[in-house]
C-alpha atoms as a PDB file:
ATOM      1  CA  MET A   1      26.006  55.666   7.555  1.00  0.00           C
ATOM      2  CA  THR A   2      22.271  55.366   7.995  1.00  0.00           C
ATOM      3  CA  TYR A   3      19.979  55.596   5.001  1.00  0.00           C
ATOM      4  CA  ALA A   4      16.466  56.906   5.486  1.00  0.00           C
ATOM      5  CA  GLU A   5      13.624  57.832   3.204  1.00  0.00           C
ATOM      6  CA  PRO A   6      13.074  61.616   3.116  1.00  0.00           C
ATOM      7  CA  SER A   7       9.877  61.262   5.158  1.00  0.00           C
ATOM      8  CA  GLU A   8      11.534  59.200   7.899  1.00  0.00           C
ATOM      9  CA  ILE A   9      13.039  60.537  11.081  1.00  0.00           C
ATOM     10  CA  VAL A  10      16.147  58.674  12.159  1.00  0.00           C
ATOM     11  CA  VAL A  11      17.396  58.999  15.712  1.00  0.00           C
ATOM     12  CA  HIS A  12      20.853  57.836  16.666  1.00  0.00           C
ATOM     13  CA  ARG A  13      21.254  57.090  20.340  1.00  0.00           C
ATOM     14  CA  PRO A  14      24.957  56.904  21.073  1.00  0.00           C
ATOM     15  CA  THR A  15      26.329  54.481  23.580  1.00  0.00           C
ATOM     16  CA  PRO A  16      27.888  56.034  26.683  1.00  0.00           C
ATOM     17  CA  ASP A  17      31.340  55.366  25.178  1.00  0.00           C
ATOM     18  CA  GLU A  18      30.384  57.074  21.900  1.00  0.00           C
ATOM     19  CA  ALA A  19      28.980  60.065  23.789  1.00  0.00           C
ATOM     20  CA  TRP A  20      32.161  60.350  25.882  1.00  0.00           C
ATOM     21  CA  GLU A  21      34.342  60.156  22.768  1.00  0.00           C
ATOM     22  CA  ALA A  22      32.274  62.892  21.100  1.00  0.00           C
ATOM     23  CA  LEU A  23      32.640  65.156  24.148  1.00  0.00           C
ATOM     24  CA  GLU A  24      36.385  64.557  24.317  1.00  0.00           C
ATOM     25  CA  ALA A  25      36.705  65.310  20.590  1.00  0.00           C
ATOM     26  CA  ALA A  26      34.686  68.535  20.981  1.00  0.00           C
ATOM     27  CA  ILE A  27      36.899  69.690  23.853  1.00  0.00           C
ATOM     28  CA  ALA A  28      40.064  68.828  21.915  1.00  0.00           C
ATOM     29  CA  GLU A  29      38.817  70.774  18.886  1.00  0.00           C
ATOM     30  CA  THR A  30      38.707  73.969  20.969  1.00  0.00           C
ATOM     31  CA  GLY A  31      42.433  73.728  21.697  1.00  0.00           C
ATOM     32  CA  PHE A  32      41.743  74.039  25.440  1.00  0.00           C
ATOM     33  CA  THR A  33      41.406  71.542  28.272  1.00  0.00           C
ATOM     34  CA  ARG A  34      38.152  71.212  30.161  1.00  0.00           C
ATOM     35  CA  GLU A  35      39.819  72.987  33.079  1.00  0.00           C
ATOM     36  CA  GLU A  36      40.783  75.890  30.829  1.00  0.00           C
ATOM     37  CA  LEU A  37      37.225  76.093  29.480  1.00  0.00           C
ATOM     38  CA  GLU A  38      35.943  76.082  33.061  1.00  0.00           C
ATOM     39  CA  ALA A  39      38.282  78.960  33.955  1.00  0.00           C
ATOM     40  CA  GLN A  40      37.092  80.917  30.927  1.00  0.00           C
ATOM     41  CA  ALA A  41      33.480  80.314  31.979  1.00  0.00           C
ATOM     42  CA  ARG A  42      34.187  81.501  35.534  1.00  0.00           C
ATOM     43  CA  ALA A  43      35.823  84.652  34.138  1.00  0.00           C
ATOM     44  CA  GLY A  44      32.901  85.174  31.770  1.00  0.00           C
ATOM     45  CA  ARG A  45      35.316  85.553  28.848  1.00  0.00           C
ATOM     46  CA  PHE A  46      35.777  82.786  26.324  1.00  0.00           C
ATOM     47  CA  GLU A  47      38.779  82.970  24.045  1.00  0.00           C
ATOM     48  CA  SER A  48      36.784  81.793  21.017  1.00  0.00           C
ATOM     49  CA  ALA A  49      33.222  81.261  19.887  1.00  0.00           C
ATOM     50  CA  LEU A  50      33.959  77.532  19.628  1.00  0.00           C
ATOM     51  CA  ALA A  51      35.145  77.433  23.250  1.00  0.00           C
ATOM     52  CA  HIS A  52      31.947  79.204  24.309  1.00  0.00           C
ATOM     53  CA  GLN A  53      29.692  76.873  22.303  1.00  0.00           C
ATOM     54  CA  THR A  54      31.502  73.770  23.492  1.00  0.00           C
ATOM     55  CA  TRP A  55      31.285  74.802  27.142  1.00  0.00           C
ATOM     56  CA  PHE A  56      27.492  74.894  26.964  1.00  0.00           C
ATOM     57  CA  CYS A  57      27.394  71.411  25.423  1.00  0.00           C
ATOM     58  CA  LEU A  58      29.340  69.810  28.270  1.00  0.00           C
ATOM     59  CA  PRO A  59      27.489  68.024  31.035  1.00  0.00           C
ATOM     60  CA  PRO A  60      28.260  69.097  34.599  1.00  0.00           C
ATOM     61  CA  ARG A  61      31.104  67.281  36.295  1.00  0.00           C
ATOM     62  CA  ALA A  62      30.179  64.576  38.750  1.00  0.00           C
ATOM     63  CA  GLU A  63      31.394  65.682  42.168  1.00  0.00           C
END
């Protein structure tokens, strides 16, 4: 936990591993795989608001 005075702005820059873990946790929380989220995006119909929100937080896949 980071403590900051009310007037301070604290920025946390995650490591690449922390960022990856956060993305994996967000995907898992939806109850879908990334592939399933991708299929929902292609169809233009997400099965939940969380799936929709999570999809737009994911970086594009490296080809």
